[in-house]
Amino acid sequence: MKIGSIDYLNYFIFLLLASGGLTLRLDAISYEWADLKREHRAARLLGWLNLLLGIAVLIVNWVYKRWF
């Protein structure tokens, strides 16, 4: 994902990690307080998926830069 000399992958990783953390921290808790079970479960699922995808992309990027 290089365009010129700017690497956008680092921004993508940051956005995945930040949105996952904020979703878990803000959305899931507010849905739990409002007793919205389905929305709480969906927010937790999407938050964890964002975090796991961000960590996976971070590891793959590190491996790629380290050995290739």
N, C-alpha and C. Protein backbone atom coordinates (compact mmCIF):
# COMPACT_ATOMS: atom_id res chain seq x y z
N MET A 1 0.81 -1.19 0.00
CA MET A 1 0.00 0.00 0.00
C MET A 1 0.86 1.25 0.00
N LYS A 2 1.82 1.30 -0.84
CA LYS A 2 2.65 2.50 -0.90
C LYS A 2 2.23 3.36 -2.08
N ILE A 3 2.07 4.62 -1.80
CA ILE A 3 1.82 5.60 -2.84
C ILE A 3 2.90 6.65 -2.67
N GLY A 4 3.80 6.72 -3.61
CA GLY A 4 4.92 7.62 -3.46
C GLY A 4 5.82 7.14 -2.34
N SER A 5 6.07 7.98 -1.37
CA SER A 5 6.92 7.59 -0.25
C SER A 5 6.14 7.52 1.07
N ILE A 6 4.81 7.53 0.99
CA ILE A 6 3.99 7.50 2.20
C ILE A 6 3.41 6.10 2.35
N ASP A 7 3.59 5.53 3.51
CA ASP A 7 3.08 4.20 3.79
C ASP A 7 1.78 4.32 4.57
N TYR A 8 0.68 3.98 3.93
CA TYR A 8 -0.63 4.13 4.54
C TYR A 8 -1.01 2.96 5.44
N LEU A 9 -0.24 1.90 5.41
CA LEU A 9 -0.57 0.73 6.22
C LEU A 9 -0.51 1.04 7.71
N ASN A 10 0.42 1.88 8.13
CA ASN A 10 0.50 2.24 9.54
C ASN A 10 -0.75 2.99 10.01
N TYR A 11 -1.30 3.84 9.17
CA TYR A 11 -2.54 4.53 9.51
C TYR A 11 -3.70 3.54 9.60
N PHE A 12 -3.72 2.59 8.68
CA PHE A 12 -4.76 1.56 8.68
C PHE A 12 -4.71 0.73 9.95
N ILE A 13 -3.52 0.34 10.37
CA ILE A 13 -3.36 -0.43 11.61
C ILE A 13 -3.82 0.39 12.80
N PHE A 14 -3.41 1.65 12.85
CA PHE A 14 -3.83 2.52 13.95
C PHE A 14 -5.35 2.66 13.99
N LEU A 15 -5.97 2.85 12.83
CA LEU A 15 -7.43 3.00 12.80
C LEU A 15 -8.14 1.73 13.26
N LEU A 16 -7.62 0.58 12.87
CA LEU A 16 -8.23 -0.68 13.32
C LEU A 16 -8.13 -0.82 14.84
N LEU A 17 -6.96 -0.56 15.38
CA LEU A 17 -6.76 -0.70 16.82
C LEU A 17 -7.56 0.34 17.60
N ALA A 18 -7.55 1.57 17.13
CA ALA A 18 -8.27 2.63 17.83
C ALA A 18 -9.78 2.42 17.77
N SER A 19 -10.30 2.07 16.61
CA SER A 19 -11.75 1.88 16.50
C SER A 19 -12.19 0.65 17.29
N GLY A 20 -11.38 -0.40 17.32
CA GLY A 20 -11.73 -1.57 18.12
C GLY A 20 -11.74 -1.25 19.61
N GLY A 21 -10.72 -0.55 20.07
CA GLY A 21 -10.66 -0.19 21.48
C GLY A 21 -11.77 0.75 21.89
N LEU A 22 -12.05 1.75 21.06
CA LEU A 22 -13.13 2.68 21.39
C LEU A 22 -14.50 2.02 21.33
N THR A 23 -14.69 1.11 20.40
CA THR A 23 -15.96 0.39 20.32
C THR A 23 -16.17 -0.43 21.58
N LEU A 24 -15.13 -1.12 22.03
CA LEU A 24 -15.26 -1.90 23.25
C LEU A 24 -15.44 -1.00 24.47
N ARG A 25 -14.74 0.10 24.50
CA ARG A 25 -14.75 0.96 25.68
C ARG A 25 -16.02 1.80 25.78
N LEU A 26 -16.49 2.34 24.67
CA LEU A 26 -17.62 3.26 24.71
C LEU A 26 -18.94 2.62 24.30
N ASP A 27 -18.98 2.03 23.11
CA ASP A 27 -20.25 1.52 22.59
C ASP A 27 -20.76 0.33 23.39
N ALA A 28 -19.91 -0.64 23.62
CA ALA A 28 -20.36 -1.85 24.30
C ALA A 28 -20.86 -1.53 25.71
N ILE A 29 -20.17 -0.66 26.40
CA ILE A 29 -20.59 -0.31 27.77
C ILE A 29 -21.90 0.47 27.76
N SER A 30 -22.05 1.39 26.81
CA SER A 30 -23.31 2.17 26.77
C SER A 30 -24.49 1.27 26.40
N TYR A 31 -24.29 0.30 25.52
CA TYR A 31 -25.37 -0.63 25.18
C TYR A 31 -25.70 -1.54 26.36
N GLU A 32 -24.69 -1.91 27.13
CA GLU A 32 -24.95 -2.73 28.30
C GLU A 32 -25.76 -1.96 29.35
N TRP A 33 -25.43 -0.70 29.56
CA TRP A 33 -26.16 0.13 30.52
C TRP A 33 -27.61 0.33 30.08
N ALA A 34 -27.82 0.44 28.77
CA ALA A 34 -29.18 0.65 28.25
C ALA A 34 -29.94 -0.67 28.13
N ASP A 35 -29.32 -1.77 28.51
CA ASP A 35 -29.92 -3.11 28.47
C ASP A 35 -30.32 -3.51 27.05
N LEU A 36 -29.47 -3.16 26.08
CA LEU A 36 -29.66 -3.57 24.69
C LEU A 36 -28.73 -4.75 24.42
N LYS A 37 -29.24 -5.95 24.62
CA LYS A 37 -28.40 -7.14 24.58
C LYS A 37 -27.82 -7.41 23.19
N ARG A 38 -28.65 -7.31 22.17
CA ARG A 38 -28.18 -7.61 20.81
C ARG A 38 -27.13 -6.61 20.34
N GLU A 39 -27.37 -5.34 20.61
CA GLU A 39 -26.41 -4.31 20.22
C GLU A 39 -25.12 -4.43 21.02
N HIS A 40 -25.23 -4.79 22.30
CA HIS A 40 -24.05 -5.00 23.14
C HIS A 40 -23.19 -6.13 22.58
N ARG A 41 -23.84 -7.22 22.23
CA ARG A 41 -23.12 -8.37 21.67
C ARG A 41 -22.47 -8.02 20.32
N ALA A 42 -23.19 -7.29 19.48
CA ALA A 42 -22.64 -6.89 18.17
C ALA A 42 -21.47 -5.93 18.33
N ALA A 43 -21.57 -4.99 19.27
CA ALA A 43 -20.48 -4.04 19.49
C ALA A 43 -19.24 -4.76 20.02
N ARG A 44 -19.43 -5.70 20.92
CA ARG A 44 -18.29 -6.46 21.43
C ARG A 44 -17.65 -7.30 20.32
N LEU A 45 -18.47 -7.94 19.50
CA LEU A 45 -17.94 -8.74 18.40
C LEU A 45 -17.14 -7.89 17.42
N LEU A 46 -17.71 -6.77 17.01
CA LEU A 46 -17.02 -5.91 16.05
C LEU A 46 -15.78 -5.25 16.65
N GLY A 47 -15.85 -4.90 17.92
CA GLY A 47 -14.68 -4.34 18.58
C GLY A 47 -13.52 -5.33 18.64
N TRP A 48 -13.82 -6.56 19.04
CA TRP A 48 -12.77 -7.58 19.09
C TRP A 48 -12.26 -7.94 17.71
N LEU A 49 -13.15 -7.97 16.71
CA LEU A 49 -12.70 -8.25 15.35
C LEU A 49 -11.74 -7.16 14.86
N ASN A 50 -12.05 -5.90 15.14
CA ASN A 50 -11.16 -4.81 14.75
C ASN A 50 -9.81 -4.94 15.45
N LEU A 51 -9.82 -5.22 16.74
CA LEU A 51 -8.57 -5.36 17.47
C LEU A 51 -7.74 -6.53 16.94
N LEU A 52 -8.38 -7.68 16.74
CA LEU A 52 -7.64 -8.85 16.26
C LEU A 52 -7.12 -8.65 14.84
N LEU A 53 -7.92 -8.02 13.99
CA LEU A 53 -7.47 -7.74 12.63
C LEU A 53 -6.30 -6.75 12.64
N GLY A 54 -6.37 -5.74 13.50
CA GLY A 54 -5.27 -4.78 13.62
C GLY A 54 -4.00 -5.44 14.09
N ILE A 55 -4.10 -6.32 15.08
CA ILE A 55 -2.92 -7.03 15.58
C ILE A 55 -2.36 -7.96 14.52
N ALA A 56 -3.25 -8.65 13.79
CA ALA A 56 -2.79 -9.56 12.74
C ALA A 56 -2.07 -8.81 11.62
N VAL A 57 -2.63 -7.69 11.19
CA VAL A 57 -1.99 -6.89 10.14
C VAL A 57 -0.67 -6.33 10.64
N LEU A 58 -0.61 -5.93 11.90
CA LEU A 58 0.63 -5.42 12.48
C LEU A 58 1.72 -6.50 12.46
N ILE A 59 1.37 -7.71 12.85
CA ILE A 59 2.35 -8.81 12.86
C ILE A 59 2.79 -9.17 11.44
N VAL A 60 1.84 -9.26 10.52
CA VAL A 60 2.19 -9.58 9.13
C VAL A 60 3.08 -8.49 8.54
N ASN A 61 2.77 -7.24 8.82
CA ASN A 61 3.59 -6.13 8.34
C ASN A 61 5.00 -6.20 8.92
N TRP A 62 5.11 -6.50 10.21
CA TRP A 62 6.42 -6.61 10.85
C TRP A 62 7.22 -7.77 10.24
N VAL A 63 6.58 -8.91 10.04
CA VAL A 63 7.27 -10.06 9.45
C VAL A 63 7.71 -9.73 8.03
N TYR A 64 6.86 -9.08 7.27
CA TYR A 64 7.20 -8.74 5.89
C TYR A 64 8.39 -7.78 5.84
N LYS A 65 8.37 -6.75 6.69
CA LYS A 65 9.48 -5.79 6.69
C LYS A 65 10.76 -6.41 7.23
N ARG A 66 10.64 -7.36 8.13
CA ARG A 66 11.82 -7.96 8.76
C ARG A 66 12.54 -8.94 7.83
N TRP A 67 11.76 -9.78 7.13
CA TRP A 67 12.38 -10.86 6.35
C TRP A 67 12.29 -10.69 4.85
N PHE A 68 11.57 -9.72 4.34
CA PHE A 68 11.48 -9.61 2.88
C PHE A 68 11.93 -8.28 2.42
